[in-house]
Amino acid sequence: MLPELLHGKETRVWAKRIAGGADVIPQCASQAQDCTHRRYRYKDRIDEVELAKNRTKSKVRSNLEHVFGVTKLKFGFVKVR
């Protein structure tokens, strides 16, 4: 689904963790900065640096998602994805 969403002129790609997304983004949008979440926990080990990066990415993404949520609620598109 991701290749269908990218047109190639993106500067950044923001998303939650995408399976295989790390391979697809450079192919479809070579100039785009990959701002998707990375795995921070593996075999009872927590990477604090990656956790902090994911937290920063979540803050930015949630601000944008909040605007779309309010707009959908205002116009009655609550059940629309």
PDB file of N, CA and C in Angstrom:
ATOM      1  N   MET A   1       0.824  -1.198   0.000  1.00  0.00           N
ATOM      2  CA  MET A   1       0.000   0.000   0.000  1.00  0.00           C
ATOM      3  C   MET A   1       0.868   1.262   0.000  1.00  0.00           C
ATOM      4  N   LEU A   2       2.003   1.199   0.658  1.00  0.00           N
ATOM      5  CA  LEU A   2       2.859   2.375   0.773  1.00  0.00           C
ATOM      6  C   LEU A   2       3.336   2.907  -0.582  1.00  0.00           C
ATOM      7  N   PRO A   3       3.762   2.053  -1.527  1.00  0.00           N
ATOM      8  CA  PRO A   3       4.181   2.602  -2.831  1.00  0.00           C
ATOM      9  C   PRO A   3       3.072   3.351  -3.555  1.00  0.00           C
ATOM     10  N   GLU A   4       1.813   2.976  -3.322  1.00  0.00           N
ATOM     11  CA  GLU A   4       0.704   3.660  -3.972  1.00  0.00           C
ATOM     12  C   GLU A   4       0.468   5.046  -3.357  1.00  0.00           C
ATOM     13  N   LEU A   5       0.857   5.241  -2.108  1.00  0.00           N
ATOM     14  CA  LEU A   5       0.648   6.520  -1.435  1.00  0.00           C
ATOM     15  C   LEU A   5       1.750   7.533  -1.731  1.00  0.00           C
ATOM     16  N   LEU A   6       2.942   7.057  -2.027  1.00  0.00           N
ATOM     17  CA  LEU A   6       4.072   7.960  -2.272  1.00  0.00           C
ATOM     18  C   LEU A   6       4.144   8.329  -3.747  1.00  0.00           C
ATOM     19  N   HIS A   7       4.335   9.604  -4.033  1.00  0.00           N
ATOM     20  CA  HIS A   7       4.432  10.060  -5.420  1.00  0.00           C
ATOM     21  C   HIS A   7       5.862  10.375  -5.829  1.00  0.00           C
ATOM     22  N   GLY A   8       6.789  10.420  -4.889  1.00  0.00           N
ATOM     23  CA  GLY A   8       8.191  10.614  -5.226  1.00  0.00           C
ATOM     24  C   GLY A   8       8.744  11.994  -4.934  1.00  0.00           C
ATOM     25  N   LYS A   9       7.883  12.972  -4.648  1.00  0.00           N
ATOM     26  CA  LYS A   9       8.350  14.332  -4.385  1.00  0.00           C
ATOM     27  C   LYS A   9       8.260  14.691  -2.908  1.00  0.00           C
ATOM     28  N   GLU A  10       8.046  13.693  -2.058  1.00  0.00           N
ATOM     29  CA  GLU A  10       7.948  13.955  -0.620  1.00  0.00           C
ATOM     30  C   GLU A  10       9.303  14.369  -0.066  1.00  0.00           C
ATOM     31  N   THR A  11       9.254  15.196   0.975  1.00  0.00           N
ATOM     32  CA  THR A  11      10.486  15.554   1.674  1.00  0.00           C
ATOM     33  C   THR A  11      10.626  14.754   2.961  1.00  0.00           C
ATOM     34  N   ARG A  12       9.494  14.359   3.545  1.00  0.00           N
ATOM     35  CA  ARG A  12       9.500  13.536   4.761  1.00  0.00           C
ATOM     36  C   ARG A  12       8.323  12.573   4.711  1.00  0.00           C
ATOM     37  N   VAL A  13       8.518  11.407   5.297  1.00  0.00           N
ATOM     38  CA  VAL A  13       7.442  10.418   5.395  1.00  0.00           C
ATOM     39  C   VAL A  13       7.237  10.131   6.876  1.00  0.00           C
ATOM     40  N   TRP A  14       6.069  10.504   7.398  1.00  0.00           N
ATOM     41  CA  TRP A  14       5.721  10.294   8.797  1.00  0.00           C
ATOM     42  C   TRP A  14       4.707   9.163   8.873  1.00  0.00           C
ATOM     43  N   ALA A  15       4.965   8.185   9.719  1.00  0.00           N
ATOM     44  CA  ALA A  15       4.016   7.078   9.883  1.00  0.00           C
ATOM     45  C   ALA A  15       4.357   6.315  11.141  1.00  0.00           C
ATOM     46  N   LYS A  16       3.408   5.486  11.538  1.00  0.00           N
ATOM     47  CA  LYS A  16       3.701   4.554  12.608  1.00  0.00           C
ATOM     48  C   LYS A  16       4.615   3.477  12.028  1.00  0.00           C
ATOM     49  N   ARG A  17       5.023   2.544  12.835  1.00  0.00           N
ATOM     50  CA  ARG A  17       5.944   1.516  12.371  1.00  0.00           C
ATOM     51  C   ARG A  17       5.321   0.740  11.214  1.00  0.00           C
ATOM     52  N   ILE A  18       6.048   0.637  10.099  1.00  0.00           N
ATOM     53  CA  ILE A  18       5.567  -0.027   8.900  1.00  0.00           C
ATOM     54  C   ILE A  18       6.444  -1.239   8.637  1.00  0.00           C
ATOM     55  N   ALA A  19       5.816  -2.396   8.481  1.00  0.00           N
ATOM     56  CA  ALA A  19       6.568  -3.603   8.149  1.00  0.00           C
ATOM     57  C   ALA A  19       7.097  -3.481   6.725  1.00  0.00           C
ATOM     58  N   GLY A  20       8.406  -3.514   6.550  1.00  0.00           N
ATOM     59  CA  GLY A  20       9.011  -3.392   5.235  1.00  0.00           C
ATOM     60  C   GLY A  20       9.060  -1.974   4.704  1.00  0.00           C
ATOM     61  N   GLY A  21       8.677  -1.005   5.495  1.00  0.00           N
ATOM     62  CA  GLY A  21       8.650   0.385   5.039  1.00  0.00           C
ATOM     63  C   GLY A  21      10.027   0.968   4.834  1.00  0.00           C
ATOM     64  N   ALA A  22      10.992   0.474   5.587  1.00  0.00           N
ATOM     65  CA  ALA A  22      12.350   0.996   5.456  1.00  0.00           C
ATOM     66  C   ALA A  22      12.932   0.695   4.084  1.00  0.00           C
ATOM     67  N   ASP A  23      12.471  -0.374   3.440  1.00  0.00           N
ATOM     68  CA  ASP A  23      12.958  -0.713   2.103  1.00  0.00           C
ATOM     69  C   ASP A  23      12.197   0.033   1.012  1.00  0.00           C
ATOM     70  N   VAL A  24      10.917   0.304   1.258  1.00  0.00           N
ATOM     71  CA  VAL A  24      10.055   0.884   0.232  1.00  0.00           C
ATOM     72  C   VAL A  24      10.264   2.386   0.093  1.00  0.00           C
ATOM     73  N   ILE A  25      10.462   3.084   1.183  1.00  0.00           N
ATOM     74  CA  ILE A  25      10.556   4.544   1.146  1.00  0.00           C
ATOM     75  C   ILE A  25      11.723   5.034   0.285  1.00  0.00           C
ATOM     76  N   PRO A  26      12.932   4.491   0.413  1.00  0.00           N
ATOM     77  CA  PRO A  26      14.010   4.968  -0.477  1.00  0.00           C
ATOM     78  C   PRO A  26      13.766   4.656  -1.951  1.00  0.00           C
ATOM     79  N   GLN A  27      13.034   3.580  -2.238  1.00  0.00           N
ATOM     80  CA  GLN A  27      12.761   3.238  -3.637  1.00  0.00           C
ATOM     81  C   GLN A  27      11.743   4.192  -4.262  1.00  0.00           C
ATOM     82  N   CYS A  28      10.680   4.507  -3.514  1.00  0.00           N
ATOM     83  CA  CYS A  28       9.584   5.309  -4.063  1.00  0.00           C
ATOM     84  C   CYS A  28       9.821   6.813  -3.934  1.00  0.00           C
ATOM     85  N   ALA A  29      10.476   7.229  -2.874  1.00  0.00           N
ATOM     86  CA  ALA A  29      10.738   8.654  -2.648  1.00  0.00           C
ATOM     87  C   ALA A  29      12.179   8.793  -2.179  1.00  0.00           C
ATOM     88  N   SER A  30      13.075   8.900  -3.121  1.00  0.00           N
ATOM     89  CA  SER A  30      14.502   8.873  -2.793  1.00  0.00           C
ATOM     90  C   SER A  30      14.959  10.093  -1.987  1.00  0.00           C
ATOM     91  N   GLN A  31      14.286  11.236  -2.137  1.00  0.00           N
ATOM     92  CA  GLN A  31      14.671  12.447  -1.419  1.00  0.00           C
ATOM     93  C   GLN A  31      14.018  12.560  -0.049  1.00  0.00           C
ATOM     94  N   ALA A  32      13.095  11.666   0.272  1.00  0.00           N
ATOM     95  CA  ALA A  32      12.317  11.777   1.507  1.00  0.00           C
ATOM     96  C   ALA A  32      13.111  11.307   2.716  1.00  0.00           C
ATOM     97  N   GLN A  33      12.953  12.035   3.804  1.00  0.00           N
ATOM     98  CA  GLN A  33      13.534  11.637   5.078  1.00  0.00           C
ATOM     99  C   GLN A  33      12.547  10.676   5.755  1.00  0.00           C
ATOM    100  N   ASP A  34      13.032   9.536   6.180  1.00  0.00           N
ATOM    101  CA  ASP A  34      12.187   8.507   6.783  1.00  0.00           C
ATOM    102  C   ASP A  34      11.963   8.836   8.251  1.00  0.00           C
ATOM    103  N   CYS A  35      10.741   9.242   8.619  1.00  0.00           N
ATOM    104  CA  CYS A  35      10.400   9.589   9.995  1.00  0.00           C
ATOM    105  C   CYS A  35       9.430   8.571  10.589  1.00  0.00           C
ATOM    106  N   THR A  36       9.579   7.322  10.233  1.00  0.00           N
ATOM    107  CA  THR A  36       8.735   6.279  10.803  1.00  0.00           C
ATOM    108  C   THR A  36       9.379   5.743  12.078  1.00  0.00           C
ATOM    109  N   HIS A  37       8.576   5.115  12.894  1.00  0.00           N
ATOM    110  CA  HIS A  37       9.088   4.565  14.147  1.00  0.00           C
ATOM    111  C   HIS A  37      10.008   3.389  13.897  1.00  0.00           C
ATOM    112  N   ARG A  38      10.959   3.241  14.752  1.00  0.00           N
ATOM    113  CA  ARG A  38      11.889   2.116  14.712  1.00  0.00           C
ATOM    114  C   ARG A  38      11.663   1.240  15.938  1.00  0.00           C
ATOM    115  N   ARG A  39      12.065   0.011  15.833  1.00  0.00           N
ATOM    116  CA  ARG A  39      11.940  -0.907  16.948  1.00  0.00           C
ATOM    117  C   ARG A  39      12.936  -0.511  18.028  1.00  0.00           C
ATOM    118  N   TYR A  40      12.467  -0.378  19.251  1.00  0.00           N
ATOM    119  CA  TYR A  40      13.351   0.041  20.336  1.00  0.00           C
ATOM    120  C   TYR A  40      13.516  -1.040  21.391  1.00  0.00           C
ATOM    121  N   ARG A  41      12.720  -2.089  21.312  1.00  0.00           N
ATOM    122  CA  ARG A  41      12.799  -3.145  22.319  1.00  0.00           C
ATOM    123  C   ARG A  41      13.066  -4.463  21.604  1.00  0.00           C
ATOM    124  N   TYR A  42      14.112  -5.179  22.055  1.00  0.00           N
ATOM    125  CA  TYR A  42      14.464  -6.439  21.438  1.00  0.00           C
ATOM    126  C   TYR A  42      15.108  -7.342  22.479  1.00  0.00           C
ATOM    127  N   LYS A  43      14.493  -8.488  22.727  1.00  0.00           N
ATOM    128  CA  LYS A  43      15.014  -9.495  23.666  1.00  0.00           C
ATOM    129  C   LYS A  43      15.364  -8.881  25.025  1.00  0.00           C
ATOM    130  N   ASP A  44      14.390  -8.274  25.673  1.00  0.00           N
ATOM    131  CA  ASP A  44      14.529  -7.688  27.007  1.00  0.00           C
ATOM    132  C   ASP A  44      15.564  -6.571  27.080  1.00  0.00           C
ATOM    133  N   ARG A  45      15.906  -5.985  25.951  1.00  0.00           N
ATOM    134  CA  ARG A  45      16.829  -4.854  25.924  1.00  0.00           C
ATOM    135  C   ARG A  45      16.093  -3.662  25.346  1.00  0.00           C
ATOM    136  N   ILE A  46      16.196  -2.510  25.980  1.00  0.00           N
ATOM    137  CA  ILE A  46      15.525  -1.298  25.514  1.00  0.00           C
ATOM    138  C   ILE A  46      16.579  -0.286  25.096  1.00  0.00           C
ATOM    139  N   ASP A  47      16.461   0.168  23.867  1.00  0.00           N
ATOM    140  CA  ASP A  47      17.361   1.188  23.343  1.00  0.00           C
ATOM    141  C   ASP A  47      16.761   2.554  23.677  1.00  0.00           C
ATOM    142  N   GLU A  48      17.331   3.226  24.661  1.00  0.00           N
ATOM    143  CA  GLU A  48      16.779   4.501  25.146  1.00  0.00           C
ATOM    144  C   GLU A  48      16.842   5.602  24.091  1.00  0.00           C
ATOM    145  N   VAL A  49      17.868   5.586  23.264  1.00  0.00           N
ATOM    146  CA  VAL A  49      18.000   6.615  22.232  1.00  0.00           C
ATOM    147  C   VAL A  49      16.889   6.467  21.198  1.00  0.00           C
ATOM    148  N   GLU A  50      16.641   5.236  20.754  1.00  0.00           N
ATOM    149  CA  GLU A  50      15.586   4.996  19.772  1.00  0.00           C
ATOM    150  C   GLU A  50      14.212   5.279  20.363  1.00  0.00           C
ATOM    151  N   LEU A  51      14.041   4.975  21.641  1.00  0.00           N
ATOM    152  CA  LEU A  51      12.783   5.267  22.332  1.00  0.00           C
ATOM    153  C   LEU A  51      12.525   6.772  22.365  1.00  0.00           C
ATOM    154  N   ALA A  52      13.549   7.554  22.636  1.00  0.00           N
ATOM    155  CA  ALA A  52      13.406   9.016  22.664  1.00  0.00           C
ATOM    156  C   ALA A  52      13.093   9.565  21.272  1.00  0.00           C
ATOM    157  N   LYS A  53      13.721   9.008  20.232  1.00  0.00           N
ATOM    158  CA  LYS A  53      13.436   9.449  18.859  1.00  0.00           C
ATOM    159  C   LYS A  53      11.984   9.149  18.497  1.00  0.00           C
ATOM    160  N   ASN A  54      11.517   7.955  18.861  1.00  0.00           N
ATOM    161  CA  ASN A  54      10.127   7.583  18.575  1.00  0.00           C
ATOM    162  C   ASN A  54       9.153   8.497  19.305  1.00  0.00           C
ATOM    163  N   ARG A  55       9.486   8.875  20.517  1.00  0.00           N
ATOM    164  CA  ARG A  55       8.618   9.752  21.301  1.00  0.00           C
ATOM    165  C   ARG A  55       8.513  11.129  20.645  1.00  0.00           C
ATOM    166  N   THR A  56       9.612  11.645  20.138  1.00  0.00           N
ATOM    167  CA  THR A  56       9.608  12.931  19.445  1.00  0.00           C
ATOM    168  C   THR A  56       8.778  12.856  18.168  1.00  0.00           C
ATOM    169  N   LYS A  57       8.933  11.759  17.417  1.00  0.00           N
ATOM    170  CA  LYS A  57       8.165  11.581  16.189  1.00  0.00           C
ATOM    171  C   LYS A  57       6.671  11.492  16.499  1.00  0.00           C
ATOM    172  N   SER A  58       6.313  10.841  17.601  1.00  0.00           N
ATOM    173  CA  SER A  58       4.909  10.704  17.983  1.00  0.00           C
ATOM    174  C   SER A  58       4.294  12.053  18.328  1.00  0.00           C
ATOM    175  N   LYS A  59       5.055  12.903  18.969  1.00  0.00           N
ATOM    176  CA  LYS A  59       4.541  14.229  19.333  1.00  0.00           C
ATOM    177  C   LYS A  59       4.215  15.047  18.090  1.00  0.00           C
ATOM    178  N   VAL A  60       5.077  15.007  17.109  1.00  0.00           N
ATOM    179  CA  VAL A  60       4.850  15.762  15.883  1.00  0.00           C
ATOM    180  C   VAL A  60       3.647  15.198  15.133  1.00  0.00           C
ATOM    181  N   ARG A  61       3.608  13.870  14.992  1.00  0.00           N
ATOM    182  CA  ARG A  61       2.538  13.231  14.236  1.00  0.00           C
ATOM    183  C   ARG A  61       1.176  13.406  14.913  1.00  0.00           C
ATOM    184  N   SER A  62       1.147  13.360  16.243  1.00  0.00           N
ATOM    185  CA  SER A  62      -0.128  13.472  16.950  1.00  0.00           C
ATOM    186  C   SER A  62      -0.733  14.865  16.807  1.00  0.00           C
ATOM    187  N   ASN A  63       0.094  15.896  16.732  1.00  0.00           N
ATOM    188  CA  ASN A  63      -0.426  17.246  16.516  1.00  0.00           C
ATOM    189  C   ASN A  63      -1.166  17.340  15.186  1.00  0.00           C
ATOM    190  N   LEU A  64      -0.633  16.738  14.164  1.00  0.00           N
ATOM    191  CA  LEU A  64      -1.274  16.757  12.862  1.00  0.00           C
ATOM    192  C   LEU A  64      -2.530  15.890  12.862  1.00  0.00           C
ATOM    193  N   GLU A  65      -2.465  14.710  13.463  1.00  0.00           N
ATOM    194  CA  GLU A  65      -3.619  13.811  13.494  1.00  0.00           C
ATOM    195  C   GLU A  65      -4.771  14.421  14.286  1.00  0.00           C
ATOM    196  N   HIS A  66      -4.469  15.224  15.280  1.00  0.00           N
ATOM    197  CA  HIS A  66      -5.506  15.860  16.083  1.00  0.00           C
ATOM    198  C   HIS A  66      -6.347  16.815  15.221  1.00  0.00           C
ATOM    199  N   VAL A  67      -5.692  17.555  14.350  1.00  0.00           N
ATOM    200  CA  VAL A  67      -6.402  18.497  13.472  1.00  0.00           C
ATOM    201  C   VAL A  67      -7.370  17.741  12.560  1.00  0.00           C
ATOM    202  N   PHE A  68      -6.919  16.642  11.980  1.00  0.00           N
ATOM    203  CA  PHE A  68      -7.791  15.861  11.110  1.00  0.00           C
ATOM    204  C   PHE A  68      -8.940  15.238  11.890  1.00  0.00           C
ATOM    205  N   GLY A  69      -8.695  14.797  13.120  1.00  0.00           N
ATOM    206  CA  GLY A  69      -9.751  14.221  13.944  1.00  0.00           C
ATOM    207  C   GLY A  69     -10.843  15.225  14.263  1.00  0.00           C
ATOM    208  N   VAL A  70     -10.450  16.447  14.616  1.00  0.00           N
ATOM    209  CA  VAL A  70     -11.421  17.501  14.920  1.00  0.00           C
ATOM    210  C   VAL A  70     -12.216  17.860  13.667  1.00  0.00           C
ATOM    211  N   THR A  71     -11.552  17.955  12.533  1.00  0.00           N
ATOM    212  CA  THR A  71     -12.228  18.296  11.281  1.00  0.00           C
ATOM    213  C   THR A  71     -13.234  17.220  10.894  1.00  0.00           C
ATOM    214  N   LYS A  72     -12.855  15.952  11.023  1.00  0.00           N
ATOM    215  CA  LYS A  72     -13.773  14.864  10.705  1.00  0.00           C
ATOM    216  C   LYS A  72     -14.982  14.887  11.629  1.00  0.00           C
ATOM    217  N   LEU A  73     -14.763  15.149  12.902  1.00  0.00           N
ATOM    218  CA  LEU A  73     -15.862  15.200  13.861  1.00  0.00           C
ATOM    219  C   LEU A  73     -16.803  16.355  13.534  1.00  0.00           C
ATOM    220  N   LYS A  74     -16.246  17.490  13.167  1.00  0.00           N
ATOM    221  CA  LYS A  74     -17.031  18.682  12.854  1.00  0.00           C
ATOM    222  C   LYS A  74     -17.958  18.462  11.657  1.00  0.00           C
ATOM    223  N   PHE A  75     -17.455  17.765  10.636  1.00  0.00           N
ATOM    224  CA  PHE A  75     -18.226  17.559   9.420  1.00  0.00           C
ATOM    225  C   PHE A  75     -18.959  16.217   9.377  1.00  0.00           C
ATOM    226  N   GLY A  76     -18.920  15.460  10.464  1.00  0.00           N
ATOM    227  CA  GLY A  76     -19.696  14.237  10.556  1.00  0.00           C
ATOM    228  C   GLY A  76     -19.094  13.025   9.898  1.00  0.00           C
ATOM    229  N   PHE A  77     -17.776  13.018   9.717  1.00  0.00           N
ATOM    230  CA  PHE A  77     -17.106  11.869   9.099  1.00  0.00           C
ATOM    231  C   PHE A  77     -16.388  11.041  10.158  1.00  0.00           C
ATOM    232  N   VAL A  78     -17.068  10.735  11.235  1.00  0.00           N
ATOM    233  CA  VAL A  78     -16.435  10.034  12.347  1.00  0.00           C
ATOM    234  C   VAL A  78     -16.043   8.616  11.956  1.00  0.00           C
ATOM    235  N   LYS A  79     -16.851   7.962  11.136  1.00  0.00           N
ATOM    236  CA  LYS A  79     -16.588   6.569  10.784  1.00  0.00           C
ATOM    237  C   LYS A  79     -15.758   6.417   9.529  1.00  0.00           C
ATOM    238  N   VAL A  80     -15.279   7.506   8.968  1.00  0.00           N
ATOM    239  CA  VAL A  80     -14.474   7.461   7.751  1.00  0.00           C
ATOM    240  C   VAL A  80     -13.013   7.307   8.130  1.00  0.00           C
ATOM    241  N   ARG A  81     -12.286   6.461   7.404  1.00  0.00           N
ATOM    242  CA  ARG A  81     -10.859   6.291   7.664  1.00  0.00           C
ATOM    243  C   ARG A  81     -10.059   7.146   6.730  1.00  0.00           C
TER     244      ARG A  81
END
